[in-house]
PDB file of N, CA and C in Angstrom:
ATOM      1  N   MET A   1      36.190 139.843 126.171  1.00  0.00           N
ATOM      2  CA  MET A   1      35.110 139.288 127.022  1.00  0.00           C
ATOM      3  C   MET A   1      35.624 138.046 128.147  1.00  0.00           C
ATOM      4  N   PRO A   2      34.901 138.175 129.150  1.00  0.00           N
ATOM      5  CA  PRO A   2      35.745 137.750 129.867  1.00  0.00           C
ATOM      6  C   PRO A   2      35.481 135.837 129.838  1.00  0.00           C
ATOM      7  N   ASN A   3      36.725 135.127 131.130  1.00  0.00           N
ATOM      8  CA  ASN A   3      36.338 133.725 130.313  1.00  0.00           C
ATOM      9  C   ASN A   3      35.298 133.047 131.526  1.00  0.00           C
ATOM     10  N   ILE A   4      34.638 132.800 130.216  1.00  0.00           N
ATOM     11  CA  ILE A   4      33.515 132.405 131.131  1.00  0.00           C
ATOM     12  C   ILE A   4      33.095 131.161 132.263  1.00  0.00           C
ATOM     13  N   SER A   5      34.326 130.361 132.101  1.00  0.00           N
ATOM     14  CA  SER A   5      34.694 129.022 133.035  1.00  0.00           C
ATOM     15  C   SER A   5      35.453 129.469 134.589  1.00  0.00           C
ATOM     16  N   ARG A   6      35.971 131.037 134.678  1.00  0.00           N
ATOM     17  CA  ARG A   6      36.572 131.595 135.401  1.00  0.00           C
ATOM     18  C   ARG A   6      35.885 132.179 136.161  1.00  0.00           C
ATOM     19  N   LEU A   7      34.473 133.164 135.557  1.00  0.00           N
ATOM     20  CA  LEU A   7      33.158 133.684 135.899  1.00  0.00           C
ATOM     21  C   LEU A   7      32.412 132.655 136.976  1.00  0.00           C
ATOM     22  N   ALA A   8      32.558 131.299 136.185  1.00  0.00           N
ATOM     23  CA  ALA A   8      31.545 130.231 137.102  1.00  0.00           C
ATOM     24  C   ALA A   8      32.300 129.161 138.315  1.00  0.00           C
ATOM     25  N   ASP A   9      33.617 129.500 137.808  1.00  0.00           N
ATOM     26  CA  ASP A   9      34.116 129.002 139.150  1.00  0.00           C
ATOM     27  C   ASP A   9      34.086 129.895 140.189  1.00  0.00           C
ATOM     28  N   ALA A  10      34.066 131.194 140.297  1.00  0.00           N
ATOM     29  CA  ALA A  10      34.081 131.951 141.224  1.00  0.00           C
ATOM     30  C   ALA A  10      32.788 132.518 141.849  1.00  0.00           C
ATOM     31  N   LEU A  11      31.946 132.013 140.566  1.00  0.00           N
ATOM     32  CA  LEU A  11      30.093 131.805 141.306  1.00  0.00           C
ATOM     33  C   LEU A  11      30.022 130.750 142.464  1.00  0.00           C
ATOM     34  N   CYS A  12      30.839 129.851 142.110  1.00  0.00           N
ATOM     35  CA  CYS A  12      30.379 128.568 142.958  1.00  0.00           C
ATOM     36  C   CYS A  12      31.445 128.995 144.221  1.00  0.00           C
ATOM     37  N   LEU A  13      32.491 129.536 144.062  1.00  0.00           N
ATOM     38  CA  LEU A  13      32.662 129.566 145.302  1.00  0.00           C
ATOM     39  C   LEU A  13      32.350 130.510 145.905  1.00  0.00           C
ATOM     40  N   ALA A  14      31.487 131.468 145.073  1.00  0.00           N
ATOM     41  CA  ALA A  14      31.063 132.484 146.438  1.00  0.00           C
ATOM     42  C   ALA A  14      29.246 132.194 147.103  1.00  0.00           C
ATOM     43  N   ALA A  15      29.030 131.167 146.166  1.00  0.00           N
ATOM     44  CA  ALA A  15      27.510 130.688 146.860  1.00  0.00           C
ATOM     45  C   ALA A  15      27.735 130.416 148.520  1.00  0.00           C
ATOM     46  N   ALA A  16      28.778 129.053 149.098  1.00  0.00           N
ATOM     47  CA  ALA A  16      28.385 129.056 150.009  1.00  0.00           C
ATOM     48  C   ALA A  16      29.131 130.325 151.295  1.00  0.00           C
ATOM     49  N   PRO A  17      30.229 130.731 151.594  1.00  0.00           N
ATOM     50  CA  PRO A  17      30.240 132.017 151.751  1.00  0.00           C
ATOM     51  C   PRO A  17      28.628 132.889 152.340  1.00  0.00           C
ATOM     52  N   THR A  18      27.978 133.279 151.248  1.00  0.00           N
ATOM     53  CA  THR A  18      26.739 133.367 150.807  1.00  0.00           C
ATOM     54  C   THR A  18      26.377 133.001 151.568  1.00  0.00           C
ATOM     55  N   PHE A  19      25.731 132.036 151.468  1.00  0.00           N
ATOM     56  CA  PHE A  19      24.306 131.569 152.288  1.00  0.00           C
ATOM     57  C   PHE A  19      24.772 130.948 153.435  1.00  0.00           C
ATOM     58  N   ALA A  20      26.442 130.708 154.021  1.00  0.00           N
ATOM     59  CA  ALA A  20      26.648 131.206 155.504  1.00  0.00           C
ATOM     60  C   ALA A  20      26.328 132.524 155.976  1.00  0.00           C
ATOM     61  N   PHE A  21      26.309 133.619 155.399  1.00  0.00           N
ATOM     62  CA  PHE A  21      26.200 134.693 156.060  1.00  0.00           C
ATOM     63  C   PHE A  21      25.004 135.115 156.029  1.00  0.00           C
ATOM     64  N   LEU A  22      24.273 134.653 155.809  1.00  0.00           N
ATOM     65  CA  LEU A  22      22.951 134.974 155.419  1.00  0.00           C
ATOM     66  C   LEU A  22      22.074 133.952 156.397  1.00  0.00           C
ATOM     67  N   ALA A  23      22.628 132.678 156.502  1.00  0.00           N
ATOM     68  CA  ALA A  23      21.921 131.980 158.111  1.00  0.00           C
ATOM     69  C   ALA A  23      22.682 133.361 158.934  1.00  0.00           C
ATOM     70  N   LEU A  24      23.687 133.571 159.642  1.00  0.00           N
ATOM     71  CA  LEU A  24      24.464 134.249 159.874  1.00  0.00           C
ATOM     72  C   LEU A  24      22.595 135.337 160.317  1.00  0.00           C
ATOM     73  N   TRP A  25      22.896 135.897 159.626  1.00  0.00           N
ATOM     74  CA  TRP A  25      22.542 137.342 159.389  1.00  0.00           C
ATOM     75  C   TRP A  25      20.404 136.880 160.260  1.00  0.00           C
ATOM     76  N   THR A  26      20.392 135.614 159.519  1.00  0.00           N
ATOM     77  CA  THR A  26      18.864 135.934 159.651  1.00  0.00           C
ATOM     78  C   THR A  26      18.494 135.216 161.249  1.00  0.00           C
ATOM     79  N   GLY A  27      19.824 134.442 161.449  1.00  0.00           N
ATOM     80  CA  GLY A  27      19.773 133.843 162.907  1.00  0.00           C
ATOM     81  C   GLY A  27      19.466 134.719 163.736  1.00  0.00           C
ATOM     82  N   THR A  28      20.328 136.210 163.240  1.00  0.00           N
ATOM     83  CA  THR A  28      21.205 136.903 164.873  1.00  0.00           C
ATOM     84  C   THR A  28      19.561 137.965 164.565  1.00  0.00           C
ATOM     85  N   HIS A  29      18.852 138.803 163.180  1.00  0.00           N
ATOM     86  CA  HIS A  29      18.259 139.163 163.012  1.00  0.00           C
ATOM     87  C   HIS A  29      16.421 138.934 162.712  1.00  0.00           C
ATOM     88  N   ASP A  30      15.151 139.458 163.521  1.00  0.00           N
ATOM     89  CA  ASP A  30      14.350 139.601 163.414  1.00  0.00           C
ATOM     90  C   ASP A  30      13.976 138.766 161.684  1.00  0.00           C
ATOM     91  N   GLY A  31      13.447 137.346 161.650  1.00  0.00           N
ATOM     92  CA  GLY A  31      12.926 137.157 160.264  1.00  0.00           C
ATOM     93  C   GLY A  31      11.995 137.415 159.683  1.00  0.00           C
ATOM     94  N   GLY A  32      10.930 137.877 160.082  1.00  0.00           N
ATOM     95  CA  GLY A  32      10.450 139.040 160.246  1.00  0.00           C
ATOM     96  C   GLY A  32       9.136 138.033 159.365  1.00  0.00           C
ATOM     97  N   THR A  33       8.180 138.645 158.279  1.00  0.00           N
ATOM     98  CA  THR A  33       6.836 137.930 158.006  1.00  0.00           C
ATOM     99  C   THR A  33       7.475 136.668 157.189  1.00  0.00           C
ATOM    100  N   ALA A  34       8.398 136.440 156.697  1.00  0.00           N
ATOM    101  CA  ALA A  34       9.183 135.856 155.756  1.00  0.00           C
ATOM    102  C   ALA A  34       9.576 134.675 155.548  1.00  0.00           C
ATOM    103  N   ASP A  35       9.697 134.131 157.225  1.00  0.00           N
ATOM    104  CA  ASP A  35      10.074 133.038 158.093  1.00  0.00           C
ATOM    105  C   ASP A  35       8.709 132.751 158.795  1.00  0.00           C
ATOM    106  N   MET A  36       7.320 133.135 158.780  1.00  0.00           N
ATOM    107  CA  MET A  36       6.580 132.789 159.047  1.00  0.00           C
ATOM    108  C   MET A  36       6.127 131.379 158.443  1.00  0.00           C
ATOM    109  N   THR A  37       6.879 131.541 157.305  1.00  0.00           N
ATOM    110  CA  THR A  37       6.232 131.121 156.293  1.00  0.00           C
ATOM    111  C   THR A  37       6.516 129.455 155.872  1.00  0.00           C
ATOM    112  N   CYS A  38       7.261 129.692 156.246  1.00  0.00           N
ATOM    113  CA  CYS A  38       8.478 128.468 157.043  1.00  0.00           C
ATOM    114  C   CYS A  38       8.131 127.028 157.344  1.00  0.00           C
ATOM    115  N   MET A  39       8.446 126.137 157.522  1.00  0.00           N
ATOM    116  CA  MET A  39       7.738 125.375 158.932  1.00  0.00           C
ATOM    117  C   MET A  39       9.439 125.425 159.781  1.00  0.00           C
ATOM    118  N   GLY A  40       8.544 125.213 160.859  1.00  0.00           N
ATOM    119  CA  GLY A  40       9.348 125.080 161.928  1.00  0.00           C
ATOM    120  C   GLY A  40       9.964 126.243 162.259  1.00  0.00           C
ATOM    121  N   ALA A  41       8.822 127.626 162.139  1.00  0.00           N
ATOM    122  CA  ALA A  41       9.002 128.999 162.644  1.00  0.00           C
ATOM    123  C   ALA A  41       9.334 129.791 163.716  1.00  0.00           C
ATOM    124  N   ALA A  42       8.957 128.355 165.145  1.00  0.00           N
ATOM    125  CA  ALA A  42       9.018 129.173 166.277  1.00  0.00           C
ATOM    126  C   ALA A  42      10.164 128.308 166.401  1.00  0.00           C
ATOM    127  N   SER A  43      11.344 127.463 165.638  1.00  0.00           N
ATOM    128  CA  SER A  43      11.925 127.085 166.639  1.00  0.00           C
ATOM    129  C   SER A  43      12.965 128.257 165.469  1.00  0.00           C
ATOM    130  N   PRO A  44      14.283 128.648 166.817  1.00  0.00           N
ATOM    131  CA  PRO A  44      15.321 129.908 166.825  1.00  0.00           C
ATOM    132  C   PRO A  44      15.942 129.412 165.335  1.00  0.00           C
ATOM    133  N   ILE A  45      16.517 127.817 165.271  1.00  0.00           N
ATOM    134  CA  ILE A  45      17.253 126.996 164.856  1.00  0.00           C
ATOM    135  C   ILE A  45      16.976 127.046 163.291  1.00  0.00           C
ATOM    136  N   GLY A  46      14.896 126.996 162.603  1.00  0.00           N
ATOM    137  CA  GLY A  46      14.098 126.677 162.099  1.00  0.00           C
ATOM    138  C   GLY A  46      13.519 127.242 160.740  1.00  0.00           C
ATOM    139  N   GLY A  47      13.425 126.843 159.796  1.00  0.00           N
ATOM    140  CA  GLY A  47      12.648 128.547 159.039  1.00  0.00           C
ATOM    141  C   GLY A  47      14.317 128.142 158.042  1.00  0.00           C
ATOM    142  N   MET A  48      14.477 129.867 157.748  1.00  0.00           N
ATOM    143  CA  MET A  48      14.759 130.804 156.750  1.00  0.00           C
ATOM    144  C   MET A  48      16.614 130.330 157.862  1.00  0.00           C
ATOM    145  N   VAL A  49      16.686 130.055 158.291  1.00  0.00           N
ATOM    146  CA  VAL A  49      18.262 129.703 159.173  1.00  0.00           C
ATOM    147  C   VAL A  49      18.403 128.568 158.831  1.00  0.00           C
ATOM    148  N   LEU A  50      17.713 127.628 158.835  1.00  0.00           N
ATOM    149  CA  LEU A  50      18.057 126.201 157.968  1.00  0.00           C
ATOM    150  C   LEU A  50      17.741 126.321 157.022  1.00  0.00           C
ATOM    151  N   MET A  51      17.039 126.797 156.299  1.00  0.00           N
ATOM    152  CA  MET A  51      17.529 126.276 154.915  1.00  0.00           C
ATOM    153  C   MET A  51      18.588 126.857 153.743  1.00  0.00           C
ATOM    154  N   TYR A  52      19.199 128.222 154.383  1.00  0.00           N
ATOM    155  CA  TYR A  52      20.580 128.712 154.349  1.00  0.00           C
ATOM    156  C   TYR A  52      21.339 127.833 154.923  1.00  0.00           C
ATOM    157  N   ALA A  53      21.636 127.625 155.759  1.00  0.00           N
ATOM    158  CA  ALA A  53      22.427 126.700 156.367  1.00  0.00           C
ATOM    159  C   ALA A  53      22.590 124.922 155.636  1.00  0.00           C
ATOM    160  N   LEU A  54      21.241 124.588 155.755  1.00  0.00           N
ATOM    161  CA  LEU A  54      21.481 123.672 154.550  1.00  0.00           C
ATOM    162  C   LEU A  54      21.943 124.020 152.830  1.00  0.00           C
ATOM    163  N   MET A  55      21.617 125.458 152.777  1.00  0.00           N
ATOM    164  CA  MET A  55      22.129 125.915 151.030  1.00  0.00           C
ATOM    165  C   MET A  55      24.013 125.718 151.705  1.00  0.00           C
ATOM    166  N   ALA A  56      24.253 126.351 152.049  1.00  0.00           N
ATOM    167  CA  ALA A  56      25.882 126.058 152.296  1.00  0.00           C
ATOM    168  C   ALA A  56      26.548 125.256 152.879  1.00  0.00           C
ATOM    169  N   ALA A  57      26.080 123.985 152.934  1.00  0.00           N
ATOM    170  CA  ALA A  57      26.601 122.981 153.438  1.00  0.00           C
ATOM    171  C   ALA A  57      26.471 122.307 151.958  1.00  0.00           C
ATOM    172  N   VAL A  58      25.931 122.097 151.830  1.00  0.00           N
ATOM    173  CA  VAL A  58      25.629 121.406 150.056  1.00  0.00           C
ATOM    174  C   VAL A  58      26.565 122.161 149.210  1.00  0.00           C
ATOM    175  N   HIS A  59      26.659 123.732 148.617  1.00  0.00           N
ATOM    176  CA  HIS A  59      27.283 124.555 147.863  1.00  0.00           C
ATOM    177  C   HIS A  59      29.516 124.658 148.844  1.00  0.00           C
ATOM    178  N   THR A  60      29.168 123.600 149.442  1.00  0.00           N
ATOM    179  CA  THR A  60      30.893 123.702 150.025  1.00  0.00           C
ATOM    180  C   THR A  60      31.548 122.601 148.879  1.00  0.00           C
ATOM    181  N   ALA A  61      30.886 121.784 147.991  1.00  0.00           N
ATOM    182  CA  ALA A  61      31.643 120.894 147.034  1.00  0.00           C
ATOM    183  C   ALA A  61      33.019 122.004 146.299  1.00  0.00           C
ATOM    184  N   PRO A  62      32.480 123.209 146.284  1.00  0.00           N
ATOM    185  CA  PRO A  62      34.013 123.621 145.077  1.00  0.00           C
ATOM    186  C   PRO A  62      34.695 124.092 145.816  1.00  0.00           C
ATOM    187  N   TRP A  63      35.356 124.693 147.340  1.00  0.00           N
ATOM    188  CA  TRP A  63      35.495 124.673 148.202  1.00  0.00           C
ATOM    189  C   TRP A  63      36.889 123.432 148.569  1.00  0.00           C
ATOM    190  N   LEU A  64      35.778 122.404 149.048  1.00  0.00           N
ATOM    191  CA  LEU A  64      36.595 121.075 149.200  1.00  0.00           C
ATOM    192  C   LEU A  64      37.464 120.549 148.799  1.00  0.00           C
ATOM    193  N   ARG A  65      37.014 120.779 146.823  1.00  0.00           N
ATOM    194  CA  ARG A  65      37.832 120.238 145.862  1.00  0.00           C
ATOM    195  C   ARG A  65      39.135 120.897 145.914  1.00  0.00           C
ATOM    196  N   ARG A  66      39.197 123.039 145.993  1.00  0.00           N
ATOM    197  CA  ARG A  66      39.621 123.490 146.102  1.00  0.00           C
ATOM    198  C   ARG A  66      40.595 122.967 147.310  1.00  0.00           C
ATOM    199  N   ILE A  67      39.920 122.866 148.371  1.00  0.00           N
ATOM    200  CA  ILE A  67      41.197 122.251 149.061  1.00  0.00           C
ATOM    201  C   ILE A  67      42.038 121.210 149.155  1.00  0.00           C
ATOM    202  N   ALA A  68      41.331 120.365 148.677  1.00  0.00           N
ATOM    203  CA  ALA A  68      41.924 118.964 147.897  1.00  0.00           C
ATOM    204  C   ALA A  68      42.618 118.727 147.166  1.00  0.00           C
ATOM    205  N   ARG A  69      43.338 120.041 146.537  1.00  0.00           N
ATOM    206  CA  ARG A  69      43.928 120.141 145.446  1.00  0.00           C
ATOM    207  C   ARG A  69      45.383 121.250 145.731  1.00  0.00           C
ATOM    208  N   GLN A  70      45.259 121.502 146.984  1.00  0.00           N
ATOM    209  CA  GLN A  70      46.726 121.945 147.522  1.00  0.00           C
ATOM    210  C   GLN A  70      47.388 120.718 148.391  1.00  0.00           C
TER     211      GLN A  70
END
């Protein structure tokens, strides 16, 4: 059985880069109809791009703790 704590740590560390990638991907490719449902869809840095960027920023805490320990 895998160590659940190590699995949770890996998942926490995967969140920020995943959301950052999604922000970049969404910003460089057409957002499609899903982006139309978000407020600020007319702005190139609004809608889903802004949401993914904020989620990446929120999930940087595990990375900051890891850097501070070194």
